[in-house]
Amino acid sequence: MATLNKDIFGLTVDNHELVKLAYDAYLANSRSSHAKTLKRGEVSGGGKKPWKQKGTGRARFGSTRNPIWRHGGVAFGRTGEENFTKKIARSSKLLAVRQALSMKNAEKAVFVLDAAVKMTGKTKDATKVLKDMQLEGKNVLAVASEKTPEVLRSTNNLPNVKLVRATYLNVFDIMNADAIVFSESALKATENWLLGEEK
């Protein structure tokens, strides 16, 4: 039975500010910027002045595509070039992952597969492993040291299982999982990564 490192899974988390910061940064960095609105110069039509400048008693307008008119352009709309990314220091990011793992471990939601369990590439075998661990139907984050073809085939068709490499663990996936399952090699790789021992 593998022993969980207390420097990763046994931290005391007094507040969740750093975890929240890392969670928000993950969402912000995943956000795309495809939405775009048309400015008054980009809307079709409006080339003719709607009425003469003076003498009508109405306000002066040069185009029917003015933003305050119906069918007009949009003032200060999305350009499609917005940058929503949020930067977080690497050390802070790694600490946030350790804190999130510690919180999940405190909830008894961290599991380590026995070294004797091998992924055969068959979904039914992976399903049996989860059933034996009483994790069937739960949102499971499976952590592997490498995404081998056998591991991918075993988990690809399981709707509630998300597979990640140990060095790609993030606060978003950890906090949204009901259970986190490590292989022994993934546990070692996670320790090396989070404690700065990776070469």
N, C-alpha and C. Protein backbone atom coordinates (compact mmCIF):
# COMPACT_ATOMS: atom_id res chain seq x y z
N MET A 1 0.84 -1.20 0.00
CA MET A 1 0.00 0.00 0.00
C MET A 1 0.88 1.25 0.00
N ALA A 2 0.66 2.13 -0.97
CA ALA A 2 1.47 3.33 -1.08
C ALA A 2 1.14 4.31 0.04
N THR A 3 2.15 5.04 0.50
CA THR A 3 1.97 6.03 1.54
C THR A 3 1.91 7.41 0.91
N LEU A 4 0.92 8.19 1.30
CA LEU A 4 0.75 9.53 0.76
C LEU A 4 1.69 10.50 1.47
N ASN A 5 2.40 11.29 0.67
CA ASN A 5 3.34 12.27 1.21
C ASN A 5 2.58 13.40 1.91
N LYS A 6 2.93 13.66 3.16
CA LYS A 6 2.22 14.68 3.93
C LYS A 6 2.47 16.09 3.40
N ASP A 7 3.57 16.27 2.68
CA ASP A 7 3.85 17.60 2.12
C ASP A 7 2.94 17.91 0.94
N ILE A 8 2.25 16.89 0.44
CA ILE A 8 1.33 17.08 -0.68
C ILE A 8 -0.11 16.82 -0.25
N PHE A 9 -0.32 15.77 0.51
CA PHE A 9 -1.68 15.36 0.85
C PHE A 9 -2.05 15.64 2.31
N GLY A 10 -1.15 16.27 3.05
CA GLY A 10 -1.44 16.48 4.46
C GLY A 10 -1.32 17.91 4.92
N LEU A 11 -1.44 18.87 3.98
CA LEU A 11 -1.33 20.27 4.35
C LEU A 11 -2.59 20.74 5.09
N THR A 12 -2.39 21.66 5.99
CA THR A 12 -3.53 22.30 6.66
C THR A 12 -3.88 23.55 5.87
N VAL A 13 -5.09 23.59 5.31
CA VAL A 13 -5.51 24.71 4.47
C VAL A 13 -6.40 25.63 5.30
N ASP A 14 -5.83 26.73 5.78
CA ASP A 14 -6.57 27.65 6.64
C ASP A 14 -7.59 28.49 5.86
N ASN A 15 -7.23 28.85 4.63
CA ASN A 15 -8.20 29.56 3.78
C ASN A 15 -8.03 29.06 2.35
N HIS A 16 -9.02 29.37 1.54
CA HIS A 16 -9.07 28.81 0.19
C HIS A 16 -8.75 29.87 -0.88
N GLU A 17 -8.11 30.96 -0.47
CA GLU A 17 -7.87 32.06 -1.42
C GLU A 17 -7.00 31.63 -2.59
N LEU A 18 -5.92 30.91 -2.31
CA LEU A 18 -5.00 30.51 -3.37
C LEU A 18 -5.66 29.47 -4.29
N VAL A 19 -6.41 28.55 -3.70
CA VAL A 19 -7.12 27.55 -4.50
C VAL A 19 -8.13 28.24 -5.41
N LYS A 20 -8.84 29.23 -4.87
CA LYS A 20 -9.82 29.99 -5.66
C LYS A 20 -9.13 30.74 -6.79
N LEU A 21 -7.97 31.33 -6.50
CA LEU A 21 -7.22 32.07 -7.52
C LEU A 21 -6.80 31.14 -8.66
N ALA A 22 -6.29 29.96 -8.32
CA ALA A 22 -5.86 29.00 -9.34
C ALA A 22 -7.06 28.46 -10.13
N TYR A 23 -8.18 28.25 -9.45
CA TYR A 23 -9.40 27.77 -10.10
C TYR A 23 -9.89 28.79 -11.13
N ASP A 24 -9.95 30.06 -10.71
CA ASP A 24 -10.39 31.12 -11.62
C ASP A 24 -9.43 31.31 -12.78
N ALA A 25 -8.12 31.16 -12.51
CA ALA A 25 -7.12 31.32 -13.57
C ALA A 25 -7.28 30.22 -14.61
N TYR A 26 -7.58 29.00 -14.18
CA TYR A 26 -7.78 27.89 -15.12
C TYR A 26 -8.96 28.20 -16.04
N LEU A 27 -10.06 28.67 -15.46
CA LEU A 27 -11.25 28.98 -16.27
C LEU A 27 -10.97 30.14 -17.23
N ALA A 28 -10.30 31.16 -16.73
CA ALA A 28 -10.01 32.33 -17.56
C ALA A 28 -9.09 31.96 -18.72
N ASN A 29 -8.10 31.12 -18.46
CA ASN A 29 -7.15 30.74 -19.50
C ASN A 29 -7.75 29.76 -20.50
N SER A 30 -8.89 29.17 -20.15
CA SER A 30 -9.58 28.26 -21.07
C SER A 30 -10.60 29.01 -21.93
N ARG A 31 -10.80 30.27 -21.62
CA ARG A 31 -11.85 31.05 -22.29
C ARG A 31 -11.38 31.53 -23.65
N SER A 32 -12.21 31.34 -24.65
CA SER A 32 -11.87 31.78 -26.00
C SER A 32 -12.42 33.18 -26.22
N SER A 33 -11.95 33.83 -27.27
CA SER A 33 -12.39 35.19 -27.58
C SER A 33 -12.81 35.26 -29.03
N HIS A 34 -13.95 34.61 -29.33
CA HIS A 34 -14.43 34.58 -30.71
C HIS A 34 -15.57 35.56 -30.95
N ALA A 35 -16.26 35.97 -29.89
CA ALA A 35 -17.40 36.87 -30.06
C ALA A 35 -16.93 38.21 -30.60
N LYS A 36 -17.68 38.73 -31.57
CA LYS A 36 -17.32 40.01 -32.18
C LYS A 36 -18.59 40.73 -32.60
N THR A 37 -18.64 42.01 -32.31
CA THR A 37 -19.77 42.83 -32.74
C THR A 37 -19.32 43.78 -33.84
N LEU A 38 -20.28 44.29 -34.62
CA LEU A 38 -19.97 45.18 -35.72
C LEU A 38 -20.05 46.64 -35.26
N LYS A 39 -19.01 47.38 -35.56
CA LYS A 39 -19.03 48.81 -35.28
C LYS A 39 -19.84 49.51 -36.37
N ARG A 40 -20.10 50.79 -36.16
CA ARG A 40 -20.94 51.51 -37.12
C ARG A 40 -20.36 51.49 -38.53
N GLY A 41 -19.03 51.47 -38.63
CA GLY A 41 -18.41 51.45 -39.95
C GLY A 41 -18.42 50.09 -40.61
N GLU A 42 -18.79 49.05 -39.86
CA GLU A 42 -18.78 47.70 -40.39
C GLU A 42 -20.17 47.18 -40.74
N VAL A 43 -21.22 47.91 -40.31
CA VAL A 43 -22.59 47.48 -40.61
C VAL A 43 -22.94 47.87 -42.03
N SER A 44 -23.60 46.98 -42.74
CA SER A 44 -23.97 47.24 -44.12
C SER A 44 -25.00 48.36 -44.22
N GLY A 45 -24.84 49.24 -45.19
CA GLY A 45 -25.80 50.33 -45.42
C GLY A 45 -25.39 51.59 -44.70
N GLY A 46 -26.32 52.55 -44.68
CA GLY A 46 -26.06 53.78 -43.96
C GLY A 46 -25.19 54.76 -44.68
N GLY A 47 -25.02 54.61 -45.98
CA GLY A 47 -24.14 55.51 -46.71
C GLY A 47 -24.77 56.87 -46.97
N LYS A 48 -26.08 56.91 -46.99
CA LYS A 48 -26.76 58.17 -47.29
C LYS A 48 -27.19 58.86 -46.01
N LYS A 49 -27.02 60.16 -45.97
CA LYS A 49 -27.47 60.94 -44.81
C LYS A 49 -29.00 60.87 -44.76
N PRO A 50 -29.58 60.46 -43.60
CA PRO A 50 -31.03 60.22 -43.55
C PRO A 50 -31.89 61.44 -43.84
N TRP A 51 -31.46 62.61 -43.46
CA TRP A 51 -32.13 63.86 -43.82
C TRP A 51 -31.12 64.99 -43.76
N LYS A 52 -31.50 66.11 -44.31
CA LYS A 52 -30.54 67.22 -44.40
C LYS A 52 -30.16 67.71 -43.02
N GLN A 53 -29.03 68.39 -42.99
CA GLN A 53 -28.45 68.81 -41.71
C GLN A 53 -29.34 69.80 -40.97
N LYS A 54 -29.89 70.76 -41.70
CA LYS A 54 -30.65 71.83 -41.04
C LYS A 54 -32.07 71.95 -41.60
N GLY A 55 -32.91 72.57 -40.81
CA GLY A 55 -34.23 72.94 -41.29
C GLY A 55 -35.35 71.96 -41.00
N THR A 56 -35.05 70.76 -40.55
CA THR A 56 -36.12 69.78 -40.32
C THR A 56 -36.66 69.84 -38.90
N GLY A 57 -35.91 70.44 -37.98
CA GLY A 57 -36.30 70.45 -36.58
C GLY A 57 -35.89 69.20 -35.83
N ARG A 58 -35.32 68.26 -36.55
CA ARG A 58 -34.87 67.02 -35.92
C ARG A 58 -33.36 67.05 -35.65
N ALA A 59 -32.94 66.13 -34.83
CA ALA A 59 -31.51 66.08 -34.53
C ALA A 59 -30.73 65.71 -35.77
N ARG A 60 -29.51 66.19 -35.83
CA ARG A 60 -28.67 65.92 -37.00
C ARG A 60 -28.11 64.51 -36.93
N PHE A 61 -28.15 63.81 -38.05
CA PHE A 61 -27.58 62.46 -38.15
C PHE A 61 -26.90 62.31 -39.50
N GLY A 62 -25.79 61.63 -39.49
CA GLY A 62 -25.07 61.42 -40.75
C GLY A 62 -25.25 60.03 -41.31
N SER A 63 -25.76 59.09 -40.46
CA SER A 63 -25.88 57.70 -40.93
C SER A 63 -26.97 56.99 -40.13
N THR A 64 -27.67 56.10 -40.79
CA THR A 64 -28.68 55.28 -40.09
C THR A 64 -28.01 54.14 -39.32
N ARG A 65 -26.70 54.03 -39.44
CA ARG A 65 -25.97 52.97 -38.72
C ARG A 65 -25.33 53.51 -37.44
N ASN A 66 -25.80 54.67 -37.01
CA ASN A 66 -25.38 55.23 -35.73
C ASN A 66 -25.73 54.25 -34.61
N PRO A 67 -24.87 54.08 -33.61
CA PRO A 67 -25.13 53.09 -32.55
C PRO A 67 -26.45 53.29 -31.80
N ILE A 68 -26.98 54.52 -31.76
CA ILE A 68 -28.23 54.71 -31.02
C ILE A 68 -29.47 54.43 -31.87
N TRP A 69 -29.25 54.07 -33.13
CA TRP A 69 -30.38 53.73 -34.00
C TRP A 69 -30.55 52.21 -34.06
N ARG A 70 -31.80 51.81 -34.30
CA ARG A 70 -32.07 50.40 -34.56
C ARG A 70 -31.33 49.97 -35.83
N HIS A 71 -30.77 48.79 -35.79
CA HIS A 71 -29.94 48.24 -36.89
C HIS A 71 -28.60 48.97 -37.01
N GLY A 72 -28.30 49.81 -36.03
CA GLY A 72 -27.02 50.49 -36.07
C GLY A 72 -25.89 49.61 -35.55
N GLY A 73 -24.69 50.16 -35.56
CA GLY A 73 -23.54 49.43 -35.04
C GLY A 73 -23.58 49.36 -33.52
N VAL A 74 -22.60 48.67 -32.95
CA VAL A 74 -22.52 48.52 -31.49
C VAL A 74 -21.34 49.34 -30.99
N ALA A 75 -21.62 50.20 -30.04
CA ALA A 75 -20.54 51.01 -29.44
C ALA A 75 -19.87 50.22 -28.33
N PHE A 76 -18.57 50.19 -28.34
CA PHE A 76 -17.77 49.53 -27.29
C PHE A 76 -18.10 48.04 -27.18
N GLY A 77 -18.40 47.39 -28.29
CA GLY A 77 -18.71 45.95 -28.27
C GLY A 77 -17.46 45.10 -28.29
N ARG A 78 -17.68 43.79 -28.28
CA ARG A 78 -16.56 42.85 -28.32
C ARG A 78 -15.84 42.93 -29.67
N THR A 79 -14.53 42.85 -29.62
CA THR A 79 -13.72 42.95 -30.85
C THR A 79 -13.21 41.60 -31.32
N GLY A 80 -13.26 40.60 -30.46
CA GLY A 80 -12.69 39.30 -30.81
C GLY A 80 -11.22 39.21 -30.49
N GLU A 81 -10.66 40.27 -29.92
CA GLU A 81 -9.24 40.30 -29.59
C GLU A 81 -9.01 40.44 -28.08
N GLU A 82 -10.06 40.24 -27.27
CA GLU A 82 -9.92 40.38 -25.83
C GLU A 82 -9.00 39.30 -25.27
N ASN A 83 -8.26 39.68 -24.27
CA ASN A 83 -7.35 38.74 -23.61
C ASN A 83 -7.84 38.51 -22.18
N PHE A 84 -8.33 37.30 -21.91
CA PHE A 84 -8.90 37.00 -20.60
C PHE A 84 -7.93 36.25 -19.68
N THR A 85 -6.72 36.01 -20.15
CA THR A 85 -5.80 35.17 -19.38
C THR A 85 -5.42 35.81 -18.05
N LYS A 86 -5.22 34.95 -17.07
CA LYS A 86 -4.76 35.38 -15.76
C LYS A 86 -3.47 34.64 -15.45
N LYS A 87 -2.45 35.38 -15.08
CA LYS A 87 -1.17 34.77 -14.77
C LYS A 87 -1.07 34.46 -13.28
N ILE A 88 -0.50 33.31 -13.00
CA ILE A 88 -0.27 32.93 -11.61
C ILE A 88 1.13 32.33 -11.53
N ALA A 89 1.87 32.70 -10.53
CA ALA A 89 3.25 32.23 -10.39
C ALA A 89 3.29 30.70 -10.31
N ARG A 90 4.32 30.12 -10.88
CA ARG A 90 4.44 28.66 -10.89
C ARG A 90 4.44 28.09 -9.46
N SER A 91 5.16 28.75 -8.57
CA SER A 91 5.21 28.26 -7.19
C SER A 91 3.84 28.31 -6.54
N SER A 92 3.08 29.36 -6.84
CA SER A 92 1.73 29.49 -6.29
C SER A 92 0.80 28.44 -6.88
N LYS A 93 0.98 28.17 -8.17
CA LYS A 93 0.15 27.17 -8.83
C LYS A 93 0.39 25.79 -8.22
N LEU A 94 1.65 25.44 -8.01
CA LEU A 94 1.98 24.13 -7.43
C LEU A 94 1.47 24.02 -6.00
N LEU A 95 1.58 25.11 -5.24
CA LEU A 95 1.07 25.10 -3.87
C LEU A 95 -0.44 24.94 -3.87
N ALA A 96 -1.12 25.58 -4.81
CA ALA A 96 -2.58 25.47 -4.90
C ALA A 96 -2.99 24.03 -5.20
N VAL A 97 -2.24 23.35 -6.08
CA VAL A 97 -2.52 21.94 -6.39
C VAL A 97 -2.33 21.09 -5.14
N ARG A 98 -1.26 21.35 -4.39
CA ARG A 98 -1.01 20.59 -3.15
C ARG A 98 -2.12 20.83 -2.13
N GLN A 99 -2.57 22.07 -2.03
CA GLN A 99 -3.66 22.38 -1.11
C GLN A 99 -4.95 21.68 -1.53
N ALA A 100 -5.24 21.68 -2.83
CA ALA A 100 -6.45 21.03 -3.33
C ALA A 100 -6.40 19.52 -3.07
N LEU A 101 -5.23 18.91 -3.29
CA LEU A 101 -5.08 17.48 -3.03
C LEU A 101 -5.23 17.18 -1.54
N SER A 102 -4.71 18.07 -0.71
CA SER A 102 -4.84 17.89 0.74
C SER A 102 -6.30 17.96 1.17
N MET A 103 -7.05 18.89 0.57
CA MET A 103 -8.47 19.01 0.88
C MET A 103 -9.24 17.77 0.48
N LYS A 104 -8.90 17.22 -0.69
CA LYS A 104 -9.57 16.00 -1.15
C LYS A 104 -9.18 14.80 -0.29
N ASN A 105 -7.93 14.77 0.14
CA ASN A 105 -7.49 13.67 1.00
C ASN A 105 -8.19 13.73 2.35
N ALA A 106 -8.42 14.94 2.85
CA ALA A 106 -9.14 15.10 4.11
C ALA A 106 -10.58 14.60 3.99
N GLU A 107 -11.11 14.64 2.76
CA GLU A 107 -12.46 14.12 2.51
C GLU A 107 -12.46 12.62 2.21
N LYS A 108 -11.25 12.02 2.31
CA LYS A 108 -11.06 10.60 2.00
C LYS A 108 -11.48 10.29 0.55
N ALA A 109 -11.07 11.19 -0.35
CA ALA A 109 -11.43 11.04 -1.75
C ALA A 109 -10.21 10.74 -2.63
N VAL A 110 -9.08 10.42 -2.01
CA VAL A 110 -7.86 10.09 -2.75
C VAL A 110 -7.58 8.60 -2.61
N PHE A 111 -7.38 7.94 -3.75
CA PHE A 111 -7.14 6.50 -3.76
C PHE A 111 -5.89 6.19 -4.58
N VAL A 112 -5.22 5.11 -4.21
CA VAL A 112 -4.03 4.67 -4.95
C VAL A 112 -4.25 3.23 -5.38
N LEU A 113 -4.14 2.98 -6.68
CA LEU A 113 -4.31 1.62 -7.19
C LEU A 113 -3.16 0.73 -6.74
N ASP A 114 -3.48 -0.49 -6.42
CA ASP A 114 -2.45 -1.45 -6.08
C ASP A 114 -1.59 -1.72 -7.31
N ALA A 115 -0.31 -1.91 -7.08
CA ALA A 115 0.63 -2.14 -8.18
C ALA A 115 0.25 -3.36 -9.01
N ALA A 116 -0.48 -4.29 -8.41
CA ALA A 116 -0.87 -5.51 -9.11
C ALA A 116 -1.95 -5.26 -10.16
N VAL A 117 -2.65 -4.11 -10.04
CA VAL A 117 -3.72 -3.79 -10.99
C VAL A 117 -3.10 -3.25 -12.27
N LYS A 118 -3.37 -3.93 -13.37
CA LYS A 118 -2.83 -3.52 -14.66
C LYS A 118 -3.98 -3.17 -15.60
N MET A 119 -3.79 -2.11 -16.38
CA MET A 119 -4.79 -1.74 -17.38
C MET A 119 -4.60 -2.62 -18.61
N THR A 120 -5.65 -3.35 -18.97
CA THR A 120 -5.57 -4.30 -20.08
C THR A 120 -6.00 -3.69 -21.41
N GLY A 121 -6.57 -2.47 -21.34
CA GLY A 121 -7.10 -1.87 -22.56
C GLY A 121 -8.57 -2.17 -22.74
N LYS A 122 -9.18 -2.87 -21.79
CA LYS A 122 -10.60 -3.22 -21.88
C LYS A 122 -11.40 -2.37 -20.89
N THR A 123 -12.47 -1.76 -21.41
CA THR A 123 -13.30 -0.89 -20.58
C THR A 123 -13.93 -1.66 -19.43
N LYS A 124 -14.31 -2.91 -19.69
CA LYS A 124 -15.00 -3.68 -18.64
C LYS A 124 -14.07 -3.94 -17.45
N ASP A 125 -12.77 -4.08 -17.72
CA ASP A 125 -11.82 -4.30 -16.62
C ASP A 125 -11.67 -3.03 -15.78
N ALA A 126 -11.64 -1.86 -16.45
CA ALA A 126 -11.55 -0.59 -15.73
C ALA A 126 -12.82 -0.36 -14.92
N THR A 127 -13.97 -0.74 -15.49
CA THR A 127 -15.24 -0.61 -14.78
C THR A 127 -15.25 -1.48 -13.54
N LYS A 128 -14.69 -2.67 -13.66
CA LYS A 128 -14.64 -3.58 -12.51
C LYS A 128 -13.77 -3.01 -11.39
N VAL A 129 -12.64 -2.39 -11.78
CA VAL A 129 -11.75 -1.78 -10.78
C VAL A 129 -12.49 -0.69 -10.01
N LEU A 130 -13.22 0.16 -10.74
CA LEU A 130 -13.97 1.23 -10.10
C LEU A 130 -15.08 0.67 -9.21
N LYS A 131 -15.71 -0.41 -9.67
CA LYS A 131 -16.78 -1.01 -8.87
C LYS A 131 -16.22 -1.60 -7.59
N ASP A 132 -15.05 -2.23 -7.68
CA ASP A 132 -14.42 -2.80 -6.49
C ASP A 132 -14.03 -1.72 -5.49
N MET A 133 -13.72 -0.52 -6.01
CA MET A 133 -13.34 0.59 -5.14
C MET A 133 -14.56 1.41 -4.70
N GLN A 134 -15.75 0.95 -5.12
CA GLN A 134 -17.01 1.63 -4.79
C GLN A 134 -17.05 3.06 -5.35
N LEU A 135 -16.53 3.19 -6.56
CA LEU A 135 -16.50 4.50 -7.22
C LEU A 135 -17.36 4.53 -8.48
N GLU A 136 -18.12 3.48 -8.70
CA GLU A 136 -18.94 3.40 -9.90
C GLU A 136 -19.99 4.51 -9.88
N GLY A 137 -20.10 5.26 -10.99
CA GLY A 137 -21.09 6.32 -11.10
C GLY A 137 -20.62 7.66 -10.56
N LYS A 138 -19.45 7.70 -9.95
CA LYS A 138 -18.92 8.96 -9.42
C LYS A 138 -17.99 9.61 -10.44
N ASN A 139 -17.81 10.92 -10.32
CA ASN A 139 -16.87 11.63 -11.18
C ASN A 139 -15.45 11.34 -10.70
N VAL A 140 -14.72 10.59 -11.50
CA VAL A 140 -13.39 10.11 -11.09
C VAL A 140 -12.32 10.79 -11.93
N LEU A 141 -11.31 11.31 -11.24
CA LEU A 141 -10.12 11.84 -11.92
C LEU A 141 -9.04 10.78 -11.81
N ALA A 142 -8.71 10.17 -12.95
CA ALA A 142 -7.70 9.12 -12.97
C ALA A 142 -6.36 9.74 -13.35
N VAL A 143 -5.36 9.54 -12.53
CA VAL A 143 -4.04 10.15 -12.74
C VAL A 143 -3.04 9.07 -13.12
N ALA A 144 -2.42 9.25 -14.28
CA ALA A 144 -1.44 8.27 -14.77
C ALA A 144 -0.11 8.96 -15.01
N SER A 145 0.96 8.20 -14.91
CA SER A 145 2.28 8.78 -15.19
C SER A 145 2.45 9.02 -16.69
N GLU A 146 1.85 8.16 -17.50
CA GLU A 146 1.86 8.30 -18.96
C GLU A 146 0.53 7.83 -19.52
N LYS A 147 0.05 8.48 -20.57
CA LYS A 147 -1.19 8.06 -21.22
C LYS A 147 -0.87 6.98 -22.25
N THR A 148 -0.69 5.77 -21.78
CA THR A 148 -0.38 4.67 -22.68
C THR A 148 -1.64 4.26 -23.44
N PRO A 149 -1.48 3.59 -24.59
CA PRO A 149 -2.66 3.14 -25.35
C PRO A 149 -3.61 2.28 -24.53
N GLU A 150 -3.05 1.44 -23.64
CA GLU A 150 -3.89 0.57 -22.82
C GLU A 150 -4.74 1.39 -21.85
N VAL A 151 -4.12 2.38 -21.23
CA VAL A 151 -4.85 3.22 -20.27
C VAL A 151 -5.91 4.04 -20.99
N LEU A 152 -5.58 4.56 -22.15
CA LEU A 152 -6.54 5.36 -22.92
C LEU A 152 -7.75 4.53 -23.35
N ARG A 153 -7.49 3.32 -23.85
CA ARG A 153 -8.59 2.46 -24.28
C ARG A 153 -9.47 2.05 -23.10
N SER A 154 -8.85 1.89 -21.94
CA SER A 154 -9.59 1.45 -20.76
C SER A 154 -10.56 2.52 -20.25
N THR A 155 -10.18 3.78 -20.43
CA THR A 155 -10.96 4.86 -19.81
C THR A 155 -11.73 5.74 -20.78
N ASN A 156 -11.42 5.67 -22.07
CA ASN A 156 -12.03 6.59 -23.04
C ASN A 156 -13.56 6.52 -23.07
N ASN A 157 -14.11 5.33 -22.88
CA ASN A 157 -15.56 5.16 -23.00
C ASN A 157 -16.27 5.22 -21.65
N LEU A 158 -15.58 5.62 -20.62
CA LEU A 158 -16.22 5.78 -19.31
C LEU A 158 -16.59 7.25 -19.13
N PRO A 159 -17.88 7.57 -19.18
CA PRO A 159 -18.30 8.98 -19.20
C PRO A 159 -17.95 9.77 -17.94
N ASN A 160 -17.80 9.10 -16.82
CA ASN A 160 -17.54 9.81 -15.57
C ASN A 160 -16.06 9.81 -15.17
N VAL A 161 -15.21 9.35 -16.08
CA VAL A 161 -13.78 9.26 -15.77
C VAL A 161 -13.00 10.21 -16.67
N LYS A 162 -12.17 11.04 -16.05
CA LYS A 162 -11.28 11.91 -16.81
C LYS A 162 -9.85 11.50 -16.52
N LEU A 163 -9.09 11.25 -17.57
CA LEU A 163 -7.71 10.81 -17.42
C LEU A 163 -6.75 11.98 -17.63
N VAL A 164 -5.82 12.16 -16.71
CA VAL A 164 -4.81 13.21 -16.86
C VAL A 164 -3.44 12.65 -16.50
N ARG A 165 -2.41 13.24 -17.08
CA ARG A 165 -1.05 12.90 -16.67
C ARG A 165 -0.74 13.58 -15.36
N ALA A 166 0.13 12.99 -14.59
CA ALA A 166 0.45 13.50 -13.25
C ALA A 166 0.93 14.95 -13.30
N THR A 167 1.73 15.30 -14.30
CA THR A 167 2.29 16.65 -14.37
C THR A 167 1.32 17.66 -14.97
N TYR A 168 0.10 17.21 -15.29
CA TYR A 168 -0.93 18.12 -15.81
C TYR A 168 -2.08 18.27 -14.83
N LEU A 169 -1.88 17.86 -13.60
CA LEU A 169 -2.92 18.03 -12.58
C LEU A 169 -3.20 19.52 -12.39
N ASN A 170 -4.46 19.86 -12.20
CA ASN A 170 -4.82 21.25 -11.97
C ASN A 170 -5.94 21.33 -10.94
N VAL A 171 -6.07 22.49 -10.34
CA VAL A 171 -7.04 22.70 -9.27
C VAL A 171 -8.47 22.48 -9.75
N PHE A 172 -8.78 22.89 -10.97
CA PHE A 172 -10.14 22.75 -11.50
C PHE A 172 -10.58 21.29 -11.53
N ASP A 173 -9.75 20.43 -12.12
CA ASP A 173 -10.10 19.00 -12.20
C ASP A 173 -10.16 18.36 -10.82
N ILE A 174 -9.24 18.74 -9.95
CA ILE A 174 -9.19 18.14 -8.62
C ILE A 174 -10.45 18.49 -7.82
N MET A 175 -10.83 19.76 -7.82
CA MET A 175 -11.96 20.20 -7.01
C MET A 175 -13.29 19.70 -7.56
N ASN A 176 -13.36 19.42 -8.87
CA ASN A 176 -14.62 18.96 -9.46
C ASN A 176 -14.77 17.43 -9.46
N ALA A 177 -13.76 16.73 -8.95
CA ALA A 177 -13.81 15.27 -8.92
C ALA A 177 -14.39 14.79 -7.59
N ASP A 178 -15.17 13.71 -7.68
CA ASP A 178 -15.66 13.07 -6.46
C ASP A 178 -14.58 12.20 -5.85
N ALA A 179 -13.70 11.69 -6.72
CA ALA A 179 -12.61 10.83 -6.25
C ALA A 179 -11.42 10.99 -7.19
N ILE A 180 -10.22 10.87 -6.63
CA ILE A 180 -8.99 10.96 -7.42
C ILE A 180 -8.24 9.65 -7.25
N VAL A 181 -7.97 8.99 -8.37
CA VAL A 181 -7.33 7.68 -8.33
C VAL A 181 -5.95 7.77 -8.98
N PHE A 182 -4.92 7.46 -8.21
CA PHE A 182 -3.54 7.47 -8.70
C PHE A 182 -3.08 6.03 -8.92
N SER A 183 -2.28 5.85 -9.97
CA SER A 183 -1.48 4.62 -10.03
C SER A 183 -0.24 4.89 -9.18
N GLU A 184 0.47 3.85 -8.79
CA GLU A 184 1.65 4.07 -7.94
C GLU A 184 2.72 4.87 -8.68
N SER A 185 2.88 4.62 -9.97
CA SER A 185 3.87 5.38 -10.74
C SER A 185 3.43 6.84 -10.88
N ALA A 186 2.12 7.06 -11.01
CA ALA A 186 1.61 8.44 -11.11
C ALA A 186 1.80 9.18 -9.80
N LEU A 187 1.65 8.46 -8.69
CA LEU A 187 1.84 9.07 -7.38
C LEU A 187 3.28 9.55 -7.22
N LYS A 188 4.22 8.72 -7.66
CA LYS A 188 5.64 9.07 -7.59
C LYS A 188 5.94 10.27 -8.50
N ALA A 189 5.37 10.25 -9.71
CA ALA A 189 5.59 11.36 -10.65
C ALA A 189 5.01 12.66 -10.10
N THR A 190 3.86 12.56 -9.43
CA THR A 190 3.23 13.74 -8.83
C THR A 190 4.10 14.31 -7.72
N GLU A 191 4.66 13.45 -6.90
CA GLU A 191 5.55 13.90 -5.82
C GLU A 191 6.78 14.60 -6.40
N ASN A 192 7.36 14.01 -7.42
CA ASN A 192 8.55 14.62 -8.03
C ASN A 192 8.23 15.99 -8.61
N TRP A 193 7.06 16.11 -9.22
CA TRP A 193 6.66 17.37 -9.86
C TRP A 193 6.36 18.45 -8.83
N LEU A 194 5.55 18.10 -7.86
CA LEU A 194 5.08 19.11 -6.90
C LEU A 194 6.14 19.51 -5.88
N LEU A 195 7.08 18.64 -5.63
CA LEU A 195 8.12 18.95 -4.66
C LEU A 195 9.42 19.41 -5.31
N GLY A 196 9.37 19.62 -6.63
CA GLY A 196 10.51 20.18 -7.32
C GLY A 196 11.68 19.25 -7.51
N GLU A 197 11.41 17.93 -7.51
CA GLU A 197 12.49 16.96 -7.66
C GLU A 197 12.59 16.42 -9.08
N GLU A 198 11.68 16.88 -9.95
CA GLU A 198 11.69 16.40 -11.33
C GLU A 198 12.92 16.93 -12.06
N LYS A 199 13.57 16.08 -12.78
CA LYS A 199 14.80 16.49 -13.49
C LYS A 199 14.50 16.75 -14.95
